[in-house]
N, C-alpha and C. Protein backbone atom coordinates (compact mmCIF):
# COMPACT_ATOMS: atom_id res chain seq x y z
N MET A 1 -7.72 5.73 1.69
CA MET A 1 -6.59 5.07 2.68
C MET A 1 -5.70 5.52 2.27
N TRP A 2 -4.78 6.06 3.01
CA TRP A 2 -3.07 6.62 3.01
C TRP A 2 -2.49 5.28 3.12
N PRO A 3 -1.39 5.68 1.91
CA PRO A 3 -0.51 4.31 2.09
C PRO A 3 0.10 3.05 3.11
N TRP A 4 -0.03 3.98 4.28
CA TRP A 4 0.86 2.83 5.56
C TRP A 4 -0.98 2.37 5.69
N GLU A 5 -1.79 2.72 5.62
CA GLU A 5 -3.26 1.63 6.09
C GLU A 5 -3.52 0.68 4.65
N HIS A 6 -3.07 1.06 3.57
CA HIS A 6 -3.27 0.05 2.77
C HIS A 6 -2.19 -1.17 2.84
N ALA A 7 -0.62 -0.66 3.27
CA ALA A 7 0.08 -1.66 3.06
C ALA A 7 -0.38 -2.51 4.68
N LEU A 8 -0.96 -2.00 5.79
CA LEU A 8 -1.02 -2.93 6.77
C LEU A 8 -2.73 -3.96 6.16
N VAL A 9 -3.38 -3.19 5.80
CA VAL A 9 -4.53 -4.00 5.50
C VAL A 9 -4.10 -5.08 4.33
N GLY A 10 -3.23 -4.82 3.36
CA GLY A 10 -2.50 -5.98 2.85
C GLY A 10 -1.58 -7.11 3.63
N TYR A 11 -0.75 -6.62 4.37
CA TYR A 11 -0.28 -7.48 5.21
C TYR A 11 -1.57 -8.22 6.43
N LEU A 12 -2.30 -7.83 6.51
CA LEU A 12 -3.59 -8.42 7.38
C LEU A 12 -3.80 -9.45 6.36
N VAL A 13 -4.21 -9.76 5.76
CA VAL A 13 -5.49 -10.11 4.73
C VAL A 13 -4.30 -11.76 4.44
N TYR A 14 -2.83 -11.21 4.34
CA TYR A 14 -1.80 -11.94 3.74
C TYR A 14 -1.23 -12.87 4.71
N SER A 15 -1.36 -11.94 5.65
CA SER A 15 -0.96 -13.12 7.24
C SER A 15 -1.68 -14.06 7.63
N LEU A 16 -3.25 -13.82 7.65
CA LEU A 16 -4.07 -14.20 7.64
C LEU A 16 -4.43 -15.35 7.16
N PHE A 17 -4.34 -15.72 5.35
CA PHE A 17 -4.24 -16.21 4.55
C PHE A 17 -3.12 -17.12 4.67
N CYS A 18 -1.80 -16.80 4.89
CA CYS A 18 -0.84 -17.80 5.48
C CYS A 18 -1.28 -18.65 6.61
N HIS A 19 -1.33 -18.16 7.83
CA HIS A 19 -1.97 -19.06 8.30
C HIS A 19 -2.74 -19.83 8.51
N GLY A 20 -3.86 -19.23 7.86
CA GLY A 20 -4.77 -20.45 7.48
C GLY A 20 -4.63 -21.39 6.66
N TYR A 21 -4.01 -21.23 5.42
CA TYR A 21 -3.75 -22.31 4.40
C TYR A 21 -2.27 -22.62 4.27
N TYR A 22 -1.20 -21.88 4.83
CA TYR A 22 0.12 -22.86 5.09
C TYR A 22 0.30 -23.38 6.09
N ARG A 23 -0.35 -22.45 6.70
CA ARG A 23 -0.17 -22.81 8.48
C ARG A 23 1.34 -22.77 9.15
N GLU A 24 1.88 -21.08 8.40
CA GLU A 24 3.23 -20.65 8.99
C GLU A 24 2.69 -19.13 8.66
N ARG A 25 3.61 -18.52 9.08
CA ARG A 25 3.89 -17.05 9.42
C ARG A 25 4.21 -16.78 7.94
N PRO A 26 4.29 -15.65 7.36
CA PRO A 26 4.92 -14.67 6.39
C PRO A 26 6.01 -14.93 6.30
N GLY A 27 6.63 -15.08 5.38
CA GLY A 27 7.87 -14.80 5.14
C GLY A 27 8.63 -13.67 5.00
N GLU A 28 9.75 -13.14 4.85
CA GLU A 28 10.43 -11.79 4.86
C GLU A 28 9.83 -11.35 3.49
N LEU A 29 10.50 -11.69 2.46
CA LEU A 29 10.36 -11.59 1.24
C LEU A 29 8.69 -11.09 0.85
N GLU A 30 8.00 -12.56 1.32
CA GLU A 30 6.53 -12.15 0.75
C GLU A 30 5.72 -10.89 1.78
N ALA A 31 6.32 -10.32 2.99
CA ALA A 31 6.14 -9.21 3.10
C ALA A 31 6.09 -8.04 3.03
N LEU A 32 7.63 -7.86 2.81
CA LEU A 32 7.88 -6.81 1.62
C LEU A 32 7.30 -6.44 0.39
N VAL A 33 6.90 -7.73 -0.05
CA VAL A 33 5.83 -7.63 -1.61
C VAL A 33 4.71 -7.27 -1.48
N VAL A 34 4.42 -7.61 -0.43
CA VAL A 34 2.44 -7.11 -0.09
C VAL A 34 2.60 -6.02 0.45
N ALA A 35 3.59 -5.40 0.74
CA ALA A 35 3.05 -3.52 1.32
C ALA A 35 3.52 -3.06 -0.38
N VAL A 36 4.73 -3.09 -0.82
CA VAL A 36 4.65 -2.63 -1.99
C VAL A 36 3.36 -3.37 -2.91
N ALA A 37 3.11 -4.31 -3.45
CA ALA A 37 1.91 -4.28 -3.97
C ALA A 37 0.92 -3.35 -3.49
N SER A 38 0.54 -3.20 -2.33
CA SER A 38 -0.53 -2.44 -1.65
C SER A 38 -0.51 -1.47 -2.06
N VAL A 39 0.60 -0.17 -2.48
CA VAL A 39 0.49 0.79 -2.37
C VAL A 39 0.91 1.35 -4.12
N LEU A 40 0.86 0.00 -5.13
CA LEU A 40 1.22 0.42 -6.38
C LEU A 40 0.05 1.21 -7.24
N PRO A 41 -1.16 0.56 -7.17
CA PRO A 41 -1.98 1.46 -7.48
C PRO A 41 -2.25 3.23 -7.77
N ASP A 42 -1.81 3.51 -6.36
CA ASP A 42 -1.72 5.11 -5.89
C ASP A 42 -0.15 5.66 -6.69
N VAL A 43 0.25 4.98 -6.52
CA VAL A 43 2.23 5.06 -7.18
C VAL A 43 2.01 4.94 -8.73
N VAL A 44 0.99 4.36 -9.70
CA VAL A 44 0.33 4.57 -10.23
C VAL A 44 -0.08 5.83 -11.15
N ASP A 45 -1.38 5.59 -10.56
CA ASP A 45 -2.37 6.55 -10.70
C ASP A 45 -1.85 8.45 -10.25
N LYS A 46 -1.73 8.43 -9.02
CA LYS A 46 -1.89 9.31 -8.40
C LYS A 46 -0.65 10.48 -9.14
N PRO A 47 0.42 10.23 -9.47
CA PRO A 47 1.37 11.26 -9.76
C PRO A 47 0.81 11.28 -11.32
N LEU A 48 0.75 10.25 -11.86
CA LEU A 48 0.52 11.08 -13.46
C LEU A 48 -0.97 11.14 -13.79
N ALA A 49 -1.68 11.32 -12.75
CA ALA A 49 -2.88 12.13 -13.09
C ALA A 49 -2.88 13.55 -12.56
N TRP A 50 -2.06 13.82 -11.11
CA TRP A 50 -2.13 15.32 -10.45
C TRP A 50 -1.08 16.13 -11.03
N GLN A 51 -0.10 15.22 -11.50
CA GLN A 51 1.36 15.78 -11.53
C GLN A 51 1.56 16.17 -13.18
N PHE A 52 1.03 14.90 -13.90
CA PHE A 52 1.66 14.97 -15.43
C PHE A 52 0.21 15.16 -15.88
N GLU A 53 -1.24 15.30 -15.33
CA GLU A 53 -1.86 15.30 -16.30
C GLU A 53 -2.53 14.26 -17.18
N VAL A 54 -1.82 12.93 -17.34
CA VAL A 54 -1.90 11.47 -18.31
C VAL A 54 -3.60 11.08 -17.91
N PHE A 55 -3.87 11.18 -16.48
CA PHE A 55 -5.53 10.60 -16.23
C PHE A 55 -6.20 11.77 -15.87
N GLN A 56 -7.32 11.73 -15.70
CA GLN A 56 -7.97 12.77 -15.46
C GLN A 56 -8.62 12.87 -14.17
N SER A 57 -8.25 12.20 -13.19
CA SER A 57 -8.41 11.64 -11.61
C SER A 57 -7.21 10.50 -11.50
N GLY A 58 -7.22 10.37 -10.37
CA GLY A 58 -6.31 9.38 -9.48
C GLY A 58 -6.82 7.95 -9.20
N TYR A 59 -8.24 7.87 -9.87
CA TYR A 59 -8.72 6.53 -9.82
C TYR A 59 -8.86 6.15 -11.30
N ALA A 60 -7.33 5.35 -11.97
CA ALA A 60 -7.91 5.46 -13.42
C ALA A 60 -7.14 4.05 -13.66
N LEU A 61 -5.70 3.49 -14.71
CA LEU A 61 -5.65 2.04 -14.80
C LEU A 61 -5.15 1.60 -13.54
N GLY A 62 -4.12 2.32 -12.46
CA GLY A 62 -3.90 1.26 -11.79
C GLY A 62 -4.79 0.74 -10.94
N HIS A 63 -6.43 1.03 -10.73
CA HIS A 63 -7.49 0.91 -9.82
C HIS A 63 -8.57 0.37 -10.53
N SER A 64 -8.33 -0.05 -11.77
CA SER A 64 -8.73 -0.67 -12.48
C SER A 64 -8.85 -2.24 -12.64
N ILE A 65 -10.20 -2.91 -12.52
CA ILE A 65 -10.18 -4.46 -12.94
C ILE A 65 -9.75 -4.81 -13.71
N PHE A 66 -9.41 -4.30 -14.78
CA PHE A 66 -8.98 -4.90 -16.46
C PHE A 66 -7.60 -4.67 -16.68
N PHE A 67 -7.15 -3.99 -15.61
CA PHE A 67 -5.71 -4.22 -15.28
C PHE A 67 -5.10 -5.27 -13.93
N THR A 68 -5.71 -5.02 -13.01
CA THR A 68 -6.01 -5.66 -11.62
C THR A 68 -5.67 -7.05 -11.99
N VAL A 69 -6.53 -7.70 -12.67
CA VAL A 69 -6.89 -8.95 -12.78
C VAL A 69 -5.67 -9.91 -13.47
N PRO A 70 -5.39 -9.41 -14.61
CA PRO A 70 -4.47 -9.84 -15.54
C PRO A 70 -3.24 -9.83 -14.86
N LEU A 71 -2.53 -8.37 -14.25
CA LEU A 71 -1.37 -8.31 -13.52
C LEU A 71 -1.29 -9.55 -12.40
N ALA A 72 -2.32 -9.24 -11.35
CA ALA A 72 -2.16 -10.67 -10.86
C ALA A 72 -1.86 -11.68 -11.27
N VAL A 73 -2.70 -12.02 -12.64
CA VAL A 73 -2.22 -13.59 -12.93
C VAL A 73 -0.98 -13.72 -13.43
N ALA A 74 -0.38 -12.32 -13.95
CA ALA A 74 0.76 -12.46 -14.86
C ALA A 74 1.63 -12.63 -13.46
N ALA A 75 1.50 -12.39 -12.40
CA ALA A 75 2.79 -11.91 -11.27
C ALA A 75 2.55 -13.20 -10.68
N GLY A 76 1.32 -13.99 -10.73
CA GLY A 76 1.60 -15.56 -10.20
C GLY A 76 1.92 -16.33 -10.78
N ALA A 77 1.89 -16.36 -12.11
CA ALA A 77 2.60 -17.09 -12.83
C ALA A 77 4.10 -17.11 -13.19
N ILE A 78 4.45 -15.75 -13.28
CA ILE A 78 5.80 -15.63 -13.04
C ILE A 78 6.95 -16.08 -11.52
N ALA A 79 5.84 -15.50 -11.00
CA ALA A 79 6.18 -16.13 -9.17
C ALA A 79 6.75 -17.70 -9.47
N ARG A 80 5.66 -18.82 -9.58
CA ARG A 80 5.40 -19.94 -9.49
C ARG A 80 6.39 -20.44 -10.64
N GLN A 81 6.56 -20.17 -11.41
CA GLN A 81 8.08 -20.10 -12.53
C GLN A 81 9.21 -20.20 -12.18
N TYR A 82 9.51 -18.94 -11.08
CA TYR A 82 10.54 -19.09 -10.35
C TYR A 82 10.81 -20.00 -9.14
N GLY A 83 9.70 -20.40 -8.98
CA GLY A 83 9.63 -21.41 -7.50
C GLY A 83 9.70 -20.52 -6.49
N ARG A 84 8.63 -19.26 -6.66
CA ARG A 84 7.98 -18.34 -5.68
C ARG A 84 6.65 -17.90 -5.78
N THR A 85 5.92 -19.14 -5.62
CA THR A 85 4.56 -19.27 -5.76
C THR A 85 3.97 -18.17 -4.41
N ARG A 86 4.43 -18.10 -3.21
CA ARG A 86 3.75 -17.38 -2.26
C ARG A 86 4.21 -15.69 -2.63
N VAL A 87 5.52 -15.72 -3.26
CA VAL A 87 5.62 -14.38 -3.89
C VAL A 87 4.32 -13.54 -4.78
N GLY A 88 3.94 -14.41 -5.41
CA GLY A 88 3.31 -14.19 -6.09
C GLY A 88 1.64 -13.60 -5.68
N VAL A 89 1.41 -14.82 -4.85
CA VAL A 89 0.46 -14.51 -3.55
C VAL A 89 0.33 -13.56 -3.00
N ALA A 90 1.17 -13.05 -2.70
CA ALA A 90 1.06 -11.67 -1.54
C ALA A 90 1.20 -10.86 -2.55
N PHE A 91 1.78 -10.96 -3.77
CA PHE A 91 1.82 -9.53 -4.51
C PHE A 91 0.46 -9.52 -5.46
N ALA A 92 -0.37 -10.42 -5.85
CA ALA A 92 -1.78 -10.50 -5.85
C ALA A 92 -2.54 -10.00 -4.72
N ILE A 93 -2.40 -10.49 -3.36
CA ILE A 93 -3.35 -10.34 -2.51
C ILE A 93 -2.94 -8.80 -2.22
N GLY A 94 -1.89 -8.28 -2.17
CA GLY A 94 -1.65 -7.11 -1.60
C GLY A 94 -2.11 -5.65 -2.79
N TYR A 95 -1.90 -6.09 -4.41
CA TYR A 95 -2.31 -5.27 -5.24
C TYR A 95 -3.93 -5.40 -5.00
N SER A 96 -4.51 -6.42 -5.00
CA SER A 96 -6.02 -6.74 -5.55
C SER A 96 -7.09 -5.77 -3.93
N PHE A 97 -6.15 -5.65 -2.61
CA PHE A 97 -7.01 -5.80 -1.83
C PHE A 97 -6.79 -3.83 -1.72
N HIS A 98 -6.01 -3.84 -2.10
CA HIS A 98 -6.08 -1.87 -2.35
C HIS A 98 -7.51 -1.28 -2.92
N LEU A 99 -8.17 -1.90 -3.88
CA LEU A 99 -8.62 -1.58 -3.99
C LEU A 99 -10.29 -1.80 -3.34
N VAL A 100 -10.09 -2.83 -2.74
CA VAL A 100 -10.68 -3.37 -1.94
C VAL A 100 -10.59 -1.89 -0.29
N GLY A 101 -9.87 -1.78 0.30
CA GLY A 101 -9.47 -0.70 1.02
C GLY A 101 -10.04 0.58 0.78
N ASP A 102 -10.33 0.74 -0.75
CA ASP A 102 -10.62 2.50 -0.85
C ASP A 102 -11.97 2.36 -1.15
N VAL A 103 -12.58 1.10 -1.28
CA VAL A 103 -14.47 1.14 -1.71
C VAL A 103 -14.83 1.11 0.23
N VAL A 104 -14.54 0.06 0.67
CA VAL A 104 -14.93 -0.57 1.94
C VAL A 104 -15.08 1.06 2.79
N PRO A 105 -13.90 2.11 2.97
CA PRO A 105 -14.13 2.79 4.01
C PRO A 105 -15.24 4.01 3.69
N ILE A 106 -15.52 3.92 2.38
CA ILE A 106 -16.40 4.58 2.00
C ILE A 106 -18.04 4.65 2.36
N TYR A 107 -18.13 3.06 2.36
CA TYR A 107 -19.26 2.49 2.40
C TYR A 107 -19.75 2.76 3.86
N LEU A 108 -18.69 2.52 4.73
CA LEU A 108 -18.52 2.50 6.17
C LEU A 108 -19.04 4.04 6.56
N SER A 109 -18.72 5.23 5.84
CA SER A 109 -18.89 6.40 6.39
C SER A 109 -19.84 6.68 5.57
N ALA A 110 -20.50 6.49 4.55
CA ALA A 110 -21.59 7.12 3.71
C ALA A 110 -22.62 6.22 3.59
N GLY A 111 -22.15 5.18 3.52
CA GLY A 111 -23.24 4.32 3.14
C GLY A 111 -23.50 3.63 1.41
N VAL A 112 -22.65 4.16 1.26
CA VAL A 112 -22.55 3.92 -0.70
C VAL A 112 -21.85 3.00 -1.49
N TRP A 113 -21.73 2.19 -1.91
CA TRP A 113 -20.64 1.17 -2.78
C TRP A 113 -20.51 2.09 -4.13
N THR A 114 -19.02 3.05 -3.85
CA THR A 114 -18.73 3.78 -5.12
C THR A 114 -17.54 2.51 -5.54
N ILE A 115 -18.17 1.65 -6.72
CA ILE A 115 -17.12 1.37 -7.49
C ILE A 115 -16.97 1.49 -8.95
N ARG A 116 -17.23 2.70 -8.96
CA ARG A 116 -17.24 3.01 -10.79
C ARG A 116 -15.71 3.19 -10.72
N HIS A 117 -14.99 3.53 -10.27
CA HIS A 117 -13.72 4.10 -10.49
C HIS A 117 -12.86 2.73 -11.13
N LEU A 118 -13.73 1.76 -10.51
CA LEU A 118 -13.40 0.52 -10.89
C LEU A 118 -13.32 -0.17 -11.90
N TYR A 119 -13.85 0.07 -13.28
CA TYR A 119 -14.41 -0.20 -14.34
C TYR A 119 -13.49 1.14 -15.43
N TRP A 120 -12.61 1.42 -15.40
CA TRP A 120 -11.57 2.19 -16.22
C TRP A 120 -11.08 1.50 -17.51
N PRO A 121 -11.24 1.58 -18.54
CA PRO A 121 -11.35 2.82 -18.73
C PRO A 121 -12.92 3.01 -19.26
N VAL A 122 -13.66 2.20 -19.16
CA VAL A 122 -15.51 1.63 -19.59
C VAL A 122 -15.88 3.71 -19.21
N VAL A 123 -15.25 3.17 -17.82
CA VAL A 123 -16.15 4.09 -16.57
C VAL A 123 -15.06 5.28 -16.38
N VAL A 124 -14.83 6.40 -16.89
CA VAL A 124 -13.96 7.49 -16.25
C VAL A 124 -14.44 8.48 -15.08
N VAL A 125 -13.89 8.21 -13.93
CA VAL A 125 -14.09 9.62 -12.98
C VAL A 125 -13.34 10.58 -12.97
N GLU A 126 -14.48 11.80 -13.40
CA GLU A 126 -13.72 12.98 -13.44
C GLU A 126 -13.03 13.13 -11.84
N GLY A 127 -11.75 13.94 -11.95
CA GLY A 127 -10.88 14.66 -11.55
C GLY A 127 -11.42 15.86 -10.69
N THR A 128 -10.89 16.80 -9.59
CA THR A 128 -11.21 18.13 -9.14
C THR A 128 -10.11 18.83 -9.69
N GLY A 129 -9.06 18.62 -10.59
CA GLY A 129 -8.67 19.11 -11.12
C GLY A 129 -6.92 19.17 -10.89
N HIS A 130 -6.11 19.88 -11.84
CA HIS A 130 -4.52 19.13 -11.58
C HIS A 130 -3.95 20.32 -11.11
N ASP A 131 -3.36 20.35 -9.99
CA ASP A 131 -2.78 21.53 -9.40
C ASP A 131 -1.46 21.24 -9.22
N GLY A 132 -0.44 19.79 -9.10
CA GLY A 132 0.20 19.30 -8.70
C GLY A 132 0.35 18.30 -8.01
N PHE A 133 1.06 17.20 -7.71
CA PHE A 133 1.55 16.36 -6.75
C PHE A 133 1.09 16.39 -5.37
N VAL A 134 2.02 17.61 -5.03
CA VAL A 134 2.32 17.86 -3.46
C VAL A 134 0.53 18.25 -3.14
N THR A 135 0.16 19.51 -4.04
CA THR A 135 -1.17 19.95 -3.39
C THR A 135 -2.34 19.02 -4.04
N GLY A 136 -2.09 17.68 -4.29
CA GLY A 136 -3.11 16.93 -4.22
C GLY A 136 -2.94 15.80 -2.84
N VAL A 137 -1.82 15.96 -2.58
CA VAL A 137 -1.67 15.20 -1.76
C VAL A 137 -2.06 15.98 0.20
N ARG A 138 -1.45 17.34 -0.31
CA ARG A 138 -2.12 17.98 0.61
C ARG A 138 -3.82 18.16 1.13
N THR A 139 -4.21 18.64 -0.09
CA THR A 139 -5.99 18.61 -0.03
C THR A 139 -6.40 17.27 0.68
N ASN A 140 -6.04 16.20 0.22
CA ASN A 140 -6.61 15.06 0.40
C ASN A 140 -6.05 14.63 1.91
N LEU A 141 -5.02 14.81 2.44
CA LEU A 141 -4.14 15.14 3.71
C LEU A 141 -5.12 15.43 4.93
N ILE A 142 -5.10 16.79 4.62
CA ILE A 142 -5.60 17.72 6.02
C ILE A 142 -7.12 17.32 5.99
N PRO A 143 -8.01 16.76 5.24
CA PRO A 143 -9.65 16.21 6.15
C PRO A 143 -9.11 15.18 7.07
N TYR A 144 -8.25 14.37 6.46
CA TYR A 144 -8.03 13.07 7.08
C TYR A 144 -7.75 13.47 8.25
N LEU A 145 -6.29 14.00 8.88
CA LEU A 145 -5.82 14.39 9.80
C LEU A 145 -7.02 14.94 10.86
N GLU A 146 -7.79 15.95 10.14
CA GLU A 146 -8.88 16.85 10.98
C GLU A 146 -9.83 15.59 11.79
N THR A 147 -9.82 14.45 10.65
CA THR A 147 -11.07 13.51 11.17
C THR A 147 -10.51 12.66 12.39
N VAL A 148 -9.22 12.66 12.18
CA VAL A 148 -8.49 11.54 13.02
C VAL A 148 -7.83 12.51 14.68
N LEU A 149 -7.81 13.36 14.04
CA LEU A 149 -7.53 14.59 15.73
C LEU A 149 -9.14 14.67 16.35
N ALA A 150 -9.76 14.97 15.49
CA ALA A 150 -11.14 15.50 16.22
C ALA A 150 -11.53 14.19 17.38
N LEU A 151 -11.20 12.86 17.24
CA LEU A 151 -11.31 11.51 17.79
C LEU A 151 -13.13 10.90 17.76
N GLU A 152 -13.36 11.36 17.06
CA GLU A 152 -14.60 11.61 16.70
C GLU A 152 -15.41 9.92 16.73
N PRO A 153 -15.66 9.00 17.67
CA PRO A 153 -16.12 7.91 17.71
C PRO A 153 -17.08 6.94 16.45
N THR A 154 -16.42 7.52 14.85
CA THR A 154 -18.12 6.92 13.98
C THR A 154 -17.29 5.93 14.22
N PRO A 155 -18.48 4.88 13.33
CA PRO A 155 -17.91 3.57 13.03
C PRO A 155 -17.00 3.03 11.74
N ALA A 156 -16.64 4.17 11.22
CA ALA A 156 -15.29 3.95 10.04
C ALA A 156 -14.30 4.26 10.70
N LEU A 157 -14.19 5.24 11.74
CA LEU A 157 -13.27 5.55 12.18
C LEU A 157 -12.25 4.33 13.16
N SER A 158 -13.68 3.88 14.10
CA SER A 158 -13.59 3.38 15.14
C SER A 158 -12.75 1.26 14.21
N ILE A 159 -13.70 1.33 13.25
CA ILE A 159 -12.97 -0.15 12.53
C ILE A 159 -11.62 0.10 12.45
N ARG A 160 -10.86 1.19 11.39
CA ARG A 160 -10.32 1.48 10.90
C ARG A 160 -9.06 1.46 12.16
N ALA A 161 -9.59 2.38 13.29
CA ALA A 161 -8.09 2.38 14.18
C ALA A 161 -8.13 1.09 15.03
N GLY A 162 -8.95 -0.07 15.05
CA GLY A 162 -8.95 -1.22 15.68
C GLY A 162 -8.25 -1.89 14.18
N ALA A 163 -8.73 -1.95 12.97
CA ALA A 163 -8.24 -2.61 12.05
C ALA A 163 -6.46 -2.59 11.94
N LEU A 164 -5.98 -1.42 12.53
CA LEU A 164 -3.99 -1.19 11.96
C LEU A 164 -4.02 -1.29 13.46
N ALA A 165 -4.80 -1.24 14.78
CA ALA A 165 -3.85 -1.29 16.28
C ALA A 165 -4.06 -3.53 15.75
N GLY A 166 -5.13 -3.82 15.28
CA GLY A 166 -4.63 -5.46 15.45
C GLY A 166 -3.75 -5.99 14.23
N THR A 167 -3.64 -4.98 13.21
CA THR A 167 -2.58 -5.39 11.81
C THR A 167 -1.20 -5.58 12.53
N MET A 168 -1.33 -4.57 13.84
CA MET A 168 0.46 -4.11 14.11
C MET A 168 0.75 -5.19 15.22
N LEU A 169 -0.45 -5.65 15.56
CA LEU A 169 0.20 -6.66 16.56
C LEU A 169 0.00 -8.01 16.18
N LEU A 170 -0.70 -8.21 15.52
CA LEU A 170 -0.28 -9.23 14.39
C LEU A 170 1.21 -9.56 14.06
N TRP A 171 1.26 -8.60 12.91
CA TRP A 171 2.89 -8.31 12.82
C TRP A 171 4.01 -8.42 13.72
N HIS A 172 3.55 -7.92 14.61
CA HIS A 172 4.47 -8.59 15.78
C HIS A 172 4.96 -9.96 16.16
N VAL A 173 3.62 -10.13 16.15
CA VAL A 173 3.74 -11.42 16.55
C VAL A 173 4.12 -12.52 16.31
N ASP A 174 4.00 -12.04 14.54
CA ASP A 174 4.36 -12.76 13.27
C ASP A 174 5.89 -12.71 13.21
N GLY A 175 6.43 -12.09 14.05
CA GLY A 175 7.76 -11.97 14.33
C GLY A 175 8.58 -10.62 13.28
N ARG A 176 7.40 -9.61 13.18
CA ARG A 176 8.18 -8.49 12.48
C ARG A 176 8.72 -8.95 10.82
N PRO A 177 8.44 -9.63 10.11
CA PRO A 177 8.55 -9.83 9.11
C PRO A 177 8.75 -8.53 7.81
N GLY A 178 9.87 -8.71 7.42
CA GLY A 178 10.11 -7.05 6.28
C GLY A 178 11.10 -6.24 7.01
N LEU A 179 11.30 -6.60 8.40
CA LEU A 179 11.82 -5.55 9.10
C LEU A 179 13.57 -5.63 8.71
N ARG A 180 14.08 -6.55 8.53
CA ARG A 180 15.14 -7.71 8.54
C ARG A 180 16.11 -7.02 7.60
N PRO A 181 15.31 -6.70 6.50
CA PRO A 181 16.16 -5.98 5.18
C PRO A 181 16.66 -4.47 6.08
N PHE A 182 15.92 -4.30 6.44
CA PHE A 182 16.02 -2.19 6.45
C PHE A 182 16.96 -2.28 7.96
N GLN A 183 16.63 -3.34 8.86
CA GLN A 183 17.68 -3.41 9.73
C GLN A 183 19.56 -3.82 9.19
N THR A 184 19.51 -4.27 8.26
CA THR A 184 20.28 -4.99 7.48
C THR A 184 21.24 -3.88 6.98
N VAL A 185 20.05 -3.19 6.09
CA VAL A 185 20.73 -1.50 5.47
C VAL A 185 21.45 -0.89 6.49
N MET A 186 20.67 -0.31 7.96
CA MET A 186 20.54 0.37 8.77
C MET A 186 21.81 -0.11 9.35
N ALA A 187 22.37 -1.08 9.80
CA ALA A 187 23.70 -1.75 10.37
C ALA A 187 24.75 -1.70 9.18
N ALA A 188 24.47 -2.08 8.10
CA ALA A 188 26.08 -1.60 7.47
C ALA A 188 26.21 -0.39 7.36
N SER A 189 24.98 0.47 6.94
CA SER A 189 25.34 1.73 6.38
C SER A 189 26.22 2.46 7.96
N TYR A 190 26.11 2.27 9.20
CA TYR A 190 26.42 2.21 10.10
C TYR A 190 28.01 2.10 10.56
N ALA A 191 28.04 0.70 9.97
CA ALA A 191 29.15 -0.14 10.03
C ALA A 191 30.08 0.78 9.11
N ILE A 192 29.84 1.20 7.67
CA ILE A 192 30.58 1.94 6.98
C ILE A 192 30.65 3.24 7.36
N LEU A 193 30.23 4.05 8.03
CA LEU A 193 30.23 5.12 9.13
C LEU A 193 31.15 5.31 10.07
N GLU A 194 31.13 4.07 10.55
CA GLU A 194 31.95 4.08 11.84
C GLU A 194 33.40 3.54 11.34
N ARG A 195 33.41 3.25 10.28
CA ARG A 195 35.22 2.60 10.18
C ARG A 195 35.47 3.76 9.37
N TYR A 196 35.23 4.56 8.41
CA TYR A 196 35.74 5.32 7.67
C TYR A 196 35.04 6.96 8.00
N GLY A 197 34.40 7.09 8.82
CA GLY A 197 33.73 8.44 9.21
C GLY A 197 33.27 9.09 8.52
N PRO A 198 32.76 10.30 8.74
CA PRO A 198 32.38 11.15 7.96
C PRO A 198 32.84 11.89 7.23
N LEU A 199 32.63 12.73 5.74
CA LEU A 199 33.55 13.09 5.10
C LEU A 199 34.04 14.57 5.77
N GLU A 200 35.35 14.96 6.03
CA GLU A 200 36.07 15.92 6.45
C GLU A 200 35.33 16.92 5.13
N PRO A 201 35.16 18.46 6.00
CA PRO A 201 35.08 19.67 4.49
C PRO A 201 36.17 19.96 4.12
N GLY A 202 35.97 19.87 2.82
CA GLY A 202 37.02 19.89 1.75
C GLY A 202 38.02 18.39 1.11
N SER A 203 37.26 17.37 1.64
CA SER A 203 37.98 16.31 1.63
C SER A 203 37.47 15.61 0.15
N ARG A 204 36.56 16.55 -0.14
CA ARG A 204 36.23 16.29 -1.70
C ARG A 204 36.57 17.36 -3.12
N ASN A 205 37.03 16.06 -3.69
CA ASN A 205 37.98 17.27 -4.93
C ASN A 205 36.50 17.34 -5.82
């Protein structure tokens, strides 16, 4: 899965949890936390593997259950200590379901459960080489775009498209939580530009 897909899956699970357990919509902060947490495994592993060659592949520490479980427990404990239990839950769901999101699409397309990478460092998955972060992204993105643009009605693509569309609808019904901070920043930036205007050429010393 790509970052936007992981973020949407994380939000979907957390929103359903909130509606089912709390009987409420997700809050602004929790929505941001679940989105950030849902991409953290790749933020940790991909650059360290593809660019800095710390790991042999982009599935290492960040994707390991031996790291994920203690991290989720620690995040929950810290959040609870500060009276932010829901933030801890959002983090745990976002991070944990990143791992699920990496496994399920492969099963849907190939019928195989690929879970060996979850046991790092007990099991180390071999990579395809270290040619830089940009090259790694391009190598994986091109086949993904080709699959999407081909519009082949495969079960995996249909389920992913339906899940993404449904999650966007759910997010809209929930009041688009997490969007307000960005709107605030954009409004503040616009107000600053409107008041002071852009820097004139030669105005910098």
